């Protein structure tokens, strides 16, 4: 799933209890922790290029794969939420956008390009899913986000 959609799902589902910006952030955070850092490094080093679709895997540094696996694991997400919940329950609810991000990525990433390892580092198991960029996935995703925000607008 694209990072912007993740952010909107996070905001729509977990941002209605007074922490909308935090839910938006945690919806996008797993991608920001991997690809966002890579984007920043490439911009600062002058190696940023637009277009051409997804980059070749051999052009992506090793640390992006590690960051992706850590940030896209229920193990790390639930551990962090559990720790925060002990001290700041008001923030912990917005953090549920993080595991929801993982849940959305699991069926919509192929094994060829950043498969989502749900229980990393306990196991490397992943699922060969349907790419989120396909119209039969992308358009229902967009429709779901629109319906969710219409629901939130009229519910409040």
Protein backbone atom coordinates (compact mmCIF):
# COMPACT_ATOMS: atom_id res chain seq x y z
CA UNK A 1 0.00 0.00 0.00
CA UNK A 2 1.23 3.53 -0.63
CA UNK A 3 2.42 5.60 2.33
CA UNK A 4 -0.21 8.30 1.87
CA UNK A 5 -3.04 5.74 2.02
CA UNK A 6 -1.53 4.23 5.16
CA UNK A 7 -1.43 7.66 6.78
CA UNK A 8 -5.08 8.33 5.89
CA UNK A 9 -6.24 4.91 7.14
CA UNK A 10 -4.37 5.54 10.38
CA UNK A 11 -5.93 8.97 10.81
CA UNK A 12 -9.42 7.77 9.93
CA UNK A 13 -9.41 4.69 12.16
CA UNK A 14 -7.28 5.75 15.12
CA UNK A 15 -7.21 9.54 15.08
CA UNK A 16 -10.66 10.28 16.43
CA UNK A 17 -9.71 10.18 20.12
CA UNK A 18 -7.87 13.47 20.17
CA UNK A 19 -4.58 12.47 18.50
CA UNK A 20 -5.28 12.79 14.74
CA UNK A 21 -1.76 13.88 13.75
CA UNK A 22 -0.15 11.14 15.80
CA UNK A 23 -2.41 8.52 14.19
CA UNK A 24 -1.56 9.94 10.77
CA UNK A 25 2.15 9.67 11.61
CA UNK A 26 1.93 6.10 12.94
CA UNK A 27 -0.07 5.09 9.88
CA UNK A 28 2.86 6.15 7.70
CA UNK A 29 5.71 5.49 10.14
CA UNK A 30 6.75 1.99 8.99
CA UNK A 31 7.39 3.30 5.48
CA UNK A 32 9.00 6.50 6.74
CA UNK A 33 11.39 4.46 8.91
CA UNK A 34 12.67 2.61 5.84
CA UNK A 35 11.95 4.42 2.58
CA UNK A 36 11.58 7.87 4.15
CA UNK A 37 15.09 7.70 5.57
CA UNK A 38 16.41 6.44 2.21
CA UNK A 39 14.68 9.31 0.40
CA UNK A 40 16.20 11.83 2.82
CA UNK A 41 19.70 10.33 2.42
CA UNK A 42 19.40 10.39 -1.38
CA UNK A 43 18.15 13.99 -1.46
CA UNK A 44 20.93 15.18 0.87
CA UNK A 45 23.61 13.32 -1.11
CA UNK A 46 22.29 14.54 -4.48
CA UNK A 47 21.41 11.02 -5.68
CA UNK A 48 17.63 11.52 -5.87
CA UNK A 49 15.93 10.76 -9.20
CA UNK A 50 12.24 10.96 -10.08
CA UNK A 51 10.26 8.47 -12.12
CA UNK A 52 10.95 5.06 -13.55
CA UNK A 53 8.83 3.06 -11.12
CA UNK A 54 10.21 1.16 -8.15
CA UNK A 55 13.99 1.13 -7.85
CA UNK A 56 16.02 -1.95 -8.60
CA UNK A 57 16.62 -3.95 -5.41
CA UNK A 58 20.38 -3.88 -5.94
CA UNK A 59 20.36 -0.06 -5.71
CA UNK A 60 18.76 -0.11 -2.23
CA UNK A 61 21.18 -0.15 0.73
CA UNK A 62 21.14 -3.17 3.06
CA UNK A 63 19.96 -1.12 6.04
CA UNK A 64 16.67 -0.24 4.30
CA UNK A 65 15.76 -3.95 4.25
CA UNK A 66 16.53 -4.26 7.99
CA UNK A 67 14.56 -1.10 8.82
CA UNK A 68 11.66 -2.33 6.69
CA UNK A 69 11.57 -5.72 8.42
CA UNK A 70 11.72 -4.16 11.90
CA UNK A 71 9.10 -1.49 11.21
CA UNK A 72 6.78 -3.93 9.42
CA UNK A 73 6.71 -6.53 12.20
CA UNK A 74 3.92 -7.08 14.70
CA UNK A 75 6.61 -8.01 17.22
CA UNK A 76 8.16 -4.54 17.26
CA UNK A 77 4.81 -2.74 16.86
CA UNK A 78 3.06 -4.53 19.73
CA UNK A 79 6.12 -4.28 21.98
CA UNK A 80 6.30 -0.51 21.45
CA UNK A 81 2.56 -0.05 21.93
CA UNK A 82 2.66 -2.14 25.11
CA UNK A 83 5.50 -0.01 26.54
CA UNK A 84 3.80 3.28 25.63
CA UNK A 85 0.45 2.05 26.94
CA UNK A 86 1.99 1.51 30.39
CA UNK A 87 2.87 5.21 30.63
CA UNK A 88 0.71 7.10 28.12
CA UNK A 89 -2.58 5.38 27.29
CA UNK A 90 -3.74 8.54 25.50
CA UNK A 91 -0.98 8.11 22.90
CA UNK A 92 -1.14 4.31 22.65
CA UNK A 93 -4.52 4.28 20.89
CA UNK A 94 -3.19 6.39 17.99
CA UNK A 95 -0.25 3.98 17.73
CA UNK A 96 -2.64 1.19 16.63
CA UNK A 97 -2.33 2.75 13.16
CA UNK A 98 1.11 1.07 13.05
CA UNK A 99 -0.05 -2.57 13.21
CA UNK A 100 -2.94 -1.68 10.91
CA UNK A 101 -0.33 -0.51 8.38
CA UNK A 102 1.35 -3.92 8.68
CA UNK A 103 -2.00 -5.69 8.28
CA UNK A 104 -2.66 -3.78 5.05
CA UNK A 105 0.82 -4.45 3.65
CA UNK A 106 0.86 -8.19 4.30
CA UNK A 107 -1.54 -9.23 1.49
CA UNK A 108 -0.51 -6.41 -0.89
CA UNK A 109 3.24 -6.91 -1.21
CA UNK A 110 4.81 -9.56 -3.39
CA UNK A 111 7.79 -11.66 -2.34
CA UNK A 112 9.74 -9.95 -5.14
CA UNK A 113 9.63 -6.44 -3.65
CA UNK A 114 9.72 -5.99 0.13
CA UNK A 115 7.53 -8.84 1.40
CA UNK A 116 6.03 -8.11 4.82
CA UNK A 117 7.44 -10.41 7.49
CA UNK A 118 4.71 -10.22 10.14
CA UNK A 119 6.68 -11.77 12.99
CA UNK A 120 10.23 -10.65 12.22
CA UNK A 121 12.74 -11.45 13.84
CA UNK A 122 11.00 -14.60 15.12
CA UNK A 123 10.40 -15.85 11.58
CA UNK A 124 11.01 -14.72 8.01
CA UNK A 125 7.58 -15.95 6.89
CA UNK A 126 5.92 -13.72 4.31
CA UNK A 127 3.07 -13.98 1.85
CA UNK A 128 3.28 -13.55 -1.92
CA UNK A 129 0.48 -11.03 -2.24
CA UNK A 130 -1.19 -8.98 -4.93
CA UNK A 131 0.59 -5.67 -5.61
CA UNK A 132 -1.35 -2.73 -4.16
CA UNK A 133 -0.76 -0.77 -7.37
CA UNK A 134 -3.16 -2.98 -9.34
CA UNK A 135 -6.48 -1.25 -10.10
CA UNK A 136 -8.56 -3.95 -8.41
CA UNK A 137 -6.72 -3.15 -5.16
CA UNK A 138 -6.01 0.56 -5.54
CA UNK A 139 -9.54 1.73 -6.38
CA UNK A 140 -11.27 -0.15 -3.52
CA UNK A 141 -8.57 1.22 -1.20
CA UNK A 142 -9.36 4.75 -2.33
CA UNK A 143 -13.11 4.12 -2.01
CA UNK A 144 -12.62 2.72 1.50
CA UNK A 145 -10.68 5.81 2.61
CA UNK A 146 -13.35 8.13 1.19
CA UNK A 147 -16.15 6.17 2.88
CA UNK A 148 -14.25 6.16 6.18
CA UNK A 149 -13.76 9.93 6.15
CA UNK A 150 -17.37 10.58 5.18
CA UNK A 151 -18.42 8.32 8.07
CA UNK A 152 -16.11 10.18 10.51
CA UNK A 153 -17.43 13.55 9.32
CA UNK A 154 -21.07 12.64 9.86
CA UNK A 155 -20.47 10.63 13.04
CA UNK A 156 -18.89 13.62 14.81
